[in-house]
């Protein structure tokens, strides 16, 4: 069980006054609007859940996922926050990079462009997996632009850490071979949506059937021959054979001024950031590990997570979350 403490206590009832509003006023039956912005010559897509006069929170999805991953979280936050959910380049309804450029600097630049165009002040960010890695780098580069940051399983494993044992020439050759193989790889085709549903539930056995179907419907395109394929570009599987070292990344984390909440799934493949020492690289970090949750904590323990998230985002002072 995770606990949340604010210096100035805030209750869930205080934050959920919209539940007492008439249904017509809440407008929770209406979905988001779709928008486009241009970053590095790519037309990228985001969902806007309205309430533009409220503080901005940006929800950033993970790899091979899409903006609708956040639909349930966005519905819970939209009455108190202006919620924006981008599709990363090569994902969802955003354009694919013509040259397959999906390295971290491109992703971070895209997020910087979105925030530049949509906010005049500090924003709060909630991010999952790849989105967490992107958001942590952005917060380190622009610490004054981020008010609060919640990262779900987003510290990741550094590609440089995995490649450190191999000579540079071998790393580069492997990368070239990987790119050549991806060029010959066609998107997988499913004869029916049910086949894709089975694949999604295999990827996350904790996911409820209704949520899996919702994510699948928004994450697929229908091909001309009637089959179905995932929207993401296969080139997102490839990362560049160079980048910042772990020490350099940790230095960037130390530049982050805002509170950082690191969320871990106890049943996930990811390491616990509070036990392996990575949380110590942040100036102001707290960690929650949720039991009975895998990599997609915000789906697997939705009710508990969204309650904690509301309190975390609303606290004006330092928050302590343990678990």
Protein backbone atom coordinates (compact mmCIF):
# COMPACT_ATOMS: atom_id res chain seq x y z
CA UNK A 1 0.00 0.00 0.00
CA UNK A 2 1.32 3.43 -0.87
CA UNK A 3 0.71 6.49 1.25
CA UNK A 4 0.66 10.15 0.27
CA UNK A 5 1.47 13.02 2.62
CA UNK A 6 1.40 16.76 1.88
CA UNK A 7 2.61 19.51 4.16
CA UNK A 8 -0.79 21.09 3.61
CA UNK A 9 -3.14 18.09 3.66
CA UNK A 10 -5.35 17.61 0.63
CA UNK A 11 -8.12 15.04 0.52
CA UNK A 12 -9.46 13.15 -2.46
CA UNK A 13 -12.85 14.76 -1.84
CA UNK A 14 -11.23 18.19 -2.11
CA UNK A 15 -9.79 17.26 -5.48
CA UNK A 16 -12.90 15.56 -6.81
CA UNK A 17 -15.45 18.34 -6.48
CA UNK A 18 -16.38 17.64 -10.08
CA UNK A 19 -18.14 14.49 -8.88
CA UNK A 20 -20.76 16.70 -7.26
CA UNK A 21 -21.30 18.75 -10.41
CA UNK A 22 -24.28 18.08 -12.66
CA UNK A 23 -23.49 15.67 -15.45
CA UNK A 24 -24.13 18.36 -18.06
CA UNK A 25 -21.46 20.56 -16.49
CA UNK A 26 -18.85 17.86 -16.19
CA UNK A 27 -18.99 16.97 -19.90
CA UNK A 28 -17.17 13.73 -19.14
CA UNK A 29 -19.19 12.03 -21.83
CA UNK A 30 -17.27 14.01 -24.47
CA UNK A 31 -13.94 12.79 -25.72
CA UNK A 32 -10.82 14.80 -26.58
CA UNK A 33 -10.19 16.85 -29.69
CA UNK A 34 -7.37 15.98 -32.12
CA UNK A 35 -4.67 18.49 -33.00
CA UNK A 36 -1.48 18.65 -35.03
CA UNK A 37 1.81 20.45 -34.51
CA UNK A 38 5.02 20.41 -36.53
CA UNK A 39 8.37 19.38 -35.05
CA UNK A 40 11.49 18.90 -37.15
CA UNK A 41 9.31 18.87 -40.28
CA UNK A 42 7.11 16.05 -38.97
CA UNK A 43 3.37 16.48 -38.41
CA UNK A 44 2.76 15.15 -34.92
CA UNK A 45 -0.58 14.52 -33.25
CA UNK A 46 -1.93 15.13 -29.77
CA UNK A 47 -5.23 14.82 -27.92
CA UNK A 48 -6.56 17.81 -25.98
CA UNK A 49 -9.11 17.08 -23.24
CA UNK A 50 -10.19 20.71 -22.86
CA UNK A 51 -10.31 22.99 -19.81
CA UNK A 52 -7.63 25.33 -21.22
CA UNK A 53 -7.75 27.77 -18.28
CA UNK A 54 -6.63 25.06 -15.85
CA UNK A 55 -2.98 24.15 -15.14
CA UNK A 56 -1.44 22.05 -17.90
CA UNK A 57 -0.49 18.41 -17.44
CA UNK A 58 1.05 16.43 -20.30
CA UNK A 59 0.71 12.64 -20.39
CA UNK A 60 3.45 10.93 -22.43
CA UNK A 61 2.97 7.30 -23.49
CA UNK A 62 5.59 4.56 -23.87
CA UNK A 63 7.16 2.77 -26.81
CA UNK A 64 4.89 1.11 -29.42
CA UNK A 65 1.91 2.66 -27.63
CA UNK A 66 -0.29 5.69 -28.34
CA UNK A 67 -2.01 8.71 -26.74
CA UNK A 68 -5.24 6.83 -26.02
CA UNK A 69 -3.28 4.81 -23.47
CA UNK A 70 -4.14 7.68 -21.13
CA UNK A 71 -7.88 7.96 -21.80
CA UNK A 72 -8.93 6.74 -18.35
CA UNK A 73 -6.38 8.89 -16.51
CA UNK A 74 -7.30 11.92 -18.63
CA UNK A 75 -11.00 11.51 -17.81
CA UNK A 76 -10.15 11.57 -14.10
CA UNK A 77 -7.94 14.67 -14.37
CA UNK A 78 -9.76 16.78 -16.93
CA UNK A 79 -12.01 18.68 -14.51
CA UNK A 80 -9.04 20.10 -12.60
CA UNK A 81 -6.35 20.09 -15.27
CA UNK A 82 -5.82 20.95 -18.91
CA UNK A 83 -4.77 17.50 -20.15
CA UNK A 84 -2.76 17.01 -23.34
CA UNK A 85 -1.66 13.58 -24.59
CA UNK A 86 0.79 13.51 -27.51
CA UNK A 87 1.45 10.64 -29.91
CA UNK A 88 5.23 10.26 -30.12
CA UNK A 89 6.77 10.40 -33.59
CA UNK A 90 6.22 7.08 -35.37
CA UNK A 91 3.39 6.18 -32.98
CA UNK A 92 -0.39 6.49 -32.99
CA UNK A 93 -1.60 9.17 -35.39
CA UNK A 94 1.73 11.01 -35.62
CA UNK A 95 3.82 10.86 -38.79
CA UNK A 96 6.55 8.30 -39.31
CA UNK A 97 10.08 9.68 -39.70
CA UNK A 98 11.13 9.24 -43.36
CA UNK A 99 14.62 8.14 -42.32
CA UNK A 100 13.54 6.21 -39.23
CA UNK A 101 14.92 8.78 -36.76
CA UNK A 102 13.70 7.63 -33.35
CA UNK A 103 16.66 8.37 -31.13
CA UNK A 104 16.23 10.13 -27.81
CA UNK A 105 17.28 13.66 -28.93
CA UNK A 106 14.49 13.67 -31.54
CA UNK A 107 11.88 12.60 -29.01
CA UNK A 108 13.04 15.20 -26.48
CA UNK A 109 13.03 17.93 -29.11
CA UNK A 110 9.46 16.99 -30.08
CA UNK A 111 8.32 17.27 -26.45
CA UNK A 112 10.11 20.60 -26.12
CA UNK A 113 8.31 21.90 -29.20
CA UNK A 114 4.90 20.77 -27.92
CA UNK A 115 5.43 22.45 -24.54
CA UNK A 116 6.77 25.59 -26.23
CA UNK A 117 3.58 25.86 -28.29
CA UNK A 118 1.04 25.00 -25.59
CA UNK A 119 2.30 26.53 -22.33
CA UNK A 120 3.53 29.88 -21.01
CA UNK A 121 4.57 28.47 -17.64
CA UNK A 122 5.77 25.35 -15.87
CA UNK A 123 3.89 22.15 -16.70
CA UNK A 124 3.33 18.90 -14.88
CA UNK A 125 4.22 15.70 -16.72
CA UNK A 126 3.07 12.12 -16.21
CA UNK A 127 4.96 9.65 -18.35
CA UNK A 128 5.29 5.90 -18.90
CA UNK A 129 8.31 3.83 -19.97
CA UNK A 130 9.93 5.44 -23.04
CA UNK A 131 7.85 8.55 -22.33
CA UNK A 132 9.40 8.66 -18.86
CA UNK A 133 12.93 8.56 -20.25
CA UNK A 134 12.05 11.39 -22.64
CA UNK A 135 10.42 13.49 -19.92
CA UNK A 136 13.29 13.06 -17.46
CA UNK A 137 15.73 14.35 -20.06
CA UNK A 138 13.47 17.29 -20.85
CA UNK A 139 13.15 18.15 -17.15
CA UNK A 140 16.94 18.03 -16.77
CA UNK A 141 17.44 20.32 -19.76
CA UNK A 142 14.65 22.75 -18.83
CA UNK A 143 14.24 22.46 -15.04
CA UNK A 144 12.30 25.72 -14.77
CA UNK A 145 9.69 24.44 -17.22
CA UNK A 146 8.53 21.45 -15.14
CA UNK A 147 6.43 21.77 -12.00
CA UNK A 148 6.01 18.10 -11.14
CA UNK A 149 7.05 14.88 -12.83
CA UNK A 150 5.57 11.40 -12.34
CA UNK A 151 7.48 8.61 -14.10
CA UNK A 152 6.02 5.12 -14.42
CA UNK A 153 8.77 2.58 -15.08
CA UNK A 154 10.66 5.16 -17.12
CA UNK A 155 14.26 4.93 -15.95
CA UNK A 156 14.89 2.06 -18.35
CA UNK A 157 18.05 0.18 -19.22
CA UNK A 158 20.68 2.23 -20.98
CA UNK A 159 21.57 0.89 -24.46
CA UNK A 160 25.14 1.95 -23.69
CA UNK A 161 25.08 -0.21 -20.59
CA UNK A 162 24.15 -3.24 -22.70
CA UNK A 163 26.73 -2.45 -25.39
CA UNK A 164 29.63 -1.53 -23.10
CA UNK A 165 31.20 -4.98 -23.32
CA UNK A 166 31.44 -4.88 -27.13
CA UNK A 167 34.02 -3.04 -29.24
CA UNK A 168 32.66 0.13 -30.91
CA UNK A 169 33.13 -1.28 -34.43
CA UNK A 170 31.03 -4.31 -33.52
CA UNK A 171 28.32 -2.10 -32.02
CA UNK A 172 28.13 -0.03 -35.21
CA UNK A 173 28.05 -3.11 -37.45
CA UNK A 174 25.26 -4.61 -35.35
CA UNK A 175 23.28 -1.39 -35.67
CA UNK A 176 23.67 -1.33 -39.46
CA UNK A 177 22.57 -4.98 -39.66
CA UNK A 178 19.59 -4.18 -37.43
CA UNK A 179 18.51 -1.29 -39.63
CA UNK A 180 18.87 -3.40 -42.76
CA UNK A 181 16.71 -6.10 -41.20
CA UNK A 182 14.07 -3.55 -40.23
CA UNK A 183 13.96 -2.24 -43.80
CA UNK A 184 12.85 -5.70 -44.92
CA UNK A 185 10.33 -6.13 -42.13
CA UNK A 186 6.72 -5.46 -43.02
CA UNK A 187 4.11 -4.57 -40.39
CA UNK A 188 2.50 -7.67 -38.99
CA UNK A 189 -0.98 -8.28 -40.35
CA UNK A 190 -3.85 -9.75 -38.36
CA UNK A 191 -6.78 -11.30 -40.17
CA UNK A 192 -9.15 -10.20 -37.41
CA UNK A 193 -9.19 -7.80 -34.49
CA UNK A 194 -9.60 -10.80 -32.21
CA UNK A 195 -6.14 -12.02 -33.20
CA UNK A 196 -4.66 -8.65 -32.29
CA UNK A 197 -6.58 -8.72 -29.00
CA UNK A 198 -4.92 -12.02 -28.09
CA UNK A 199 -1.50 -10.53 -28.82
CA UNK A 200 -2.21 -7.51 -26.60
CA UNK A 201 -3.37 -9.61 -23.67
CA UNK A 202 -0.27 -11.79 -24.01
CA UNK A 203 1.86 -8.66 -23.71
CA UNK A 204 0.12 -7.60 -20.47
CA UNK A 205 -1.82 -10.35 -18.71
CA UNK A 206 -2.89 -7.87 -15.99
CA UNK A 207 -4.86 -5.78 -18.51
CA UNK A 208 -8.65 -5.91 -18.27
CA UNK A 209 -10.39 -7.11 -21.43
CA UNK A 210 -12.36 -3.89 -21.99
CA UNK A 211 -9.23 -1.76 -21.70
CA UNK A 212 -7.27 -4.07 -23.98
CA UNK A 213 -9.94 -3.76 -26.68
CA UNK A 214 -10.05 0.03 -26.33
CA UNK A 215 -6.27 0.31 -26.68
CA UNK A 216 -6.25 -2.14 -29.58
CA UNK A 217 -8.95 -0.26 -31.53
CA UNK A 218 -7.09 3.05 -31.22
CA UNK A 219 -3.72 1.43 -31.88
CA UNK A 220 -4.49 -0.24 -35.23
CA UNK A 221 -5.06 0.66 -38.86
CA UNK A 222 -7.00 -1.41 -41.36
CA UNK A 223 -5.04 -2.37 -44.47
CA UNK A 224 -6.38 -2.31 -48.01
CA UNK A 225 -6.74 -6.08 -48.04
CA UNK A 226 -8.94 -5.98 -44.93
CA UNK A 227 -6.29 -7.09 -42.45
CA UNK A 228 -5.18 -5.04 -39.42
CA UNK A 229 -1.74 -3.73 -38.40
CA UNK A 230 -0.39 -1.76 -35.47
CA UNK A 231 0.07 1.96 -36.11
CA UNK A 232 3.66 2.28 -34.88
CA UNK A 233 6.65 2.31 -37.22
CA UNK A 234 8.85 -0.78 -36.89
CA UNK A 235 11.91 1.48 -36.91
CA UNK A 236 11.04 2.62 -33.36
CA UNK A 237 12.62 -0.67 -32.26
CA UNK A 238 16.08 0.63 -33.22
CA UNK A 239 18.22 3.00 -31.14
CA UNK A 240 21.40 4.76 -32.21
CA UNK A 241 24.78 3.16 -31.37
CA UNK A 242 25.87 6.26 -29.48
CA UNK A 243 24.51 8.56 -26.81
CA UNK A 244 25.20 9.85 -23.33
CA UNK A 245 26.80 7.57 -20.76
CA UNK A 246 25.07 6.49 -17.57
CA UNK A 247 27.20 8.95 -15.59
CA UNK A 248 26.17 11.77 -17.94
CA UNK A 249 22.52 10.72 -17.65
CA UNK A 250 22.72 10.75 -13.86
CA UNK A 251 24.22 14.25 -14.00
CA UNK A 252 21.25 15.33 -16.11
CA UNK A 253 18.84 13.85 -13.57
CA UNK A 254 20.53 15.93 -10.88
CA UNK A 255 19.65 19.08 -12.82
CA UNK A 256 15.92 18.43 -12.26
CA UNK A 257 14.52 20.92 -9.74
CA UNK A 258 10.95 19.69 -9.36
CA UNK A 259 9.68 16.76 -7.29
CA UNK A 260 9.98 13.44 -9.15
CA UNK A 261 7.71 10.50 -8.35
CA UNK A 262 9.14 7.19 -9.56
CA UNK A 263 6.45 4.51 -9.95
CA UNK A 264 7.36 0.82 -10.07
CA UNK A 265 5.35 -2.34 -10.70
CA UNK A 266 6.37 -5.06 -8.27
CA UNK A 267 5.61 -7.76 -10.87
CA UNK A 268 7.44 -5.93 -13.66
CA UNK A 269 10.72 -6.83 -15.36
CA UNK A 270 12.06 -3.41 -14.32
CA UNK A 271 14.31 -2.91 -11.34
CA UNK A 272 13.04 -1.12 -8.23
CA UNK A 273 14.62 2.40 -8.42
CA UNK A 274 14.48 2.79 -4.66
CA UNK A 275 16.43 -0.40 -4.05
CA UNK A 276 19.03 -0.24 -6.82
CA UNK A 277 20.17 3.31 -5.95
CA UNK A 278 18.91 5.16 -9.03
CA UNK A 279 16.45 7.27 -7.00
CA UNK A 280 19.43 8.71 -5.14
CA UNK A 281 20.54 10.58 -8.26
CA UNK A 282 17.55 12.94 -7.98
CA UNK A 283 17.40 15.96 -5.71
CA UNK A 284 13.82 15.34 -4.67
CA UNK A 285 12.54 11.88 -5.55
CA UNK A 286 10.03 9.53 -4.01
CA UNK A 287 9.28 5.95 -4.99
CA UNK A 288 6.16 3.81 -4.93
CA UNK A 289 6.21 0.12 -5.82
CA UNK A 290 2.71 -1.24 -6.46
CA UNK A 291 1.98 -4.86 -5.66
CA UNK A 292 0.07 -6.90 -8.27
CA UNK A 293 1.25 -4.56 -11.04
CA UNK A 294 3.48 -5.11 -14.04
CA UNK A 295 5.03 -2.58 -16.41
CA UNK A 296 1.71 -0.76 -17.04
CA UNK A 297 1.04 0.25 -13.43
CA UNK A 298 -1.52 2.88 -14.43
CA UNK A 299 -3.67 0.12 -15.95
CA UNK A 300 -2.92 -2.72 -13.55
CA UNK A 301 -3.65 -0.73 -10.35
CA UNK A 302 -5.73 2.07 -11.84
CA UNK A 303 -7.89 3.04 -8.85
CA UNK A 304 -4.99 3.18 -6.40
CA UNK A 305 -2.67 4.89 -8.86
CA UNK A 306 -5.10 7.60 -9.97
CA UNK A 307 -5.89 8.45 -6.33
CA UNK A 308 -2.18 8.83 -5.55
CA UNK A 309 -1.59 10.76 -8.77
CA UNK A 310 -4.31 13.33 -8.01
CA UNK A 311 -2.80 14.00 -4.60
CA UNK A 312 0.71 14.21 -6.00
CA UNK A 313 -0.20 16.68 -8.73
CA UNK A 314 -2.23 18.85 -6.35
CA UNK A 315 0.32 19.17 -3.56
CA UNK A 316 1.92 22.61 -3.57
CA UNK A 317 4.78 21.39 -1.42
CA UNK A 318 7.06 18.38 -1.19
CA UNK A 319 5.31 15.05 -1.24
CA UNK A 320 6.35 11.74 0.28
CA UNK A 321 5.17 8.56 -1.37
CA UNK A 322 6.50 5.25 -0.11
CA UNK A 323 5.81 1.66 -0.92
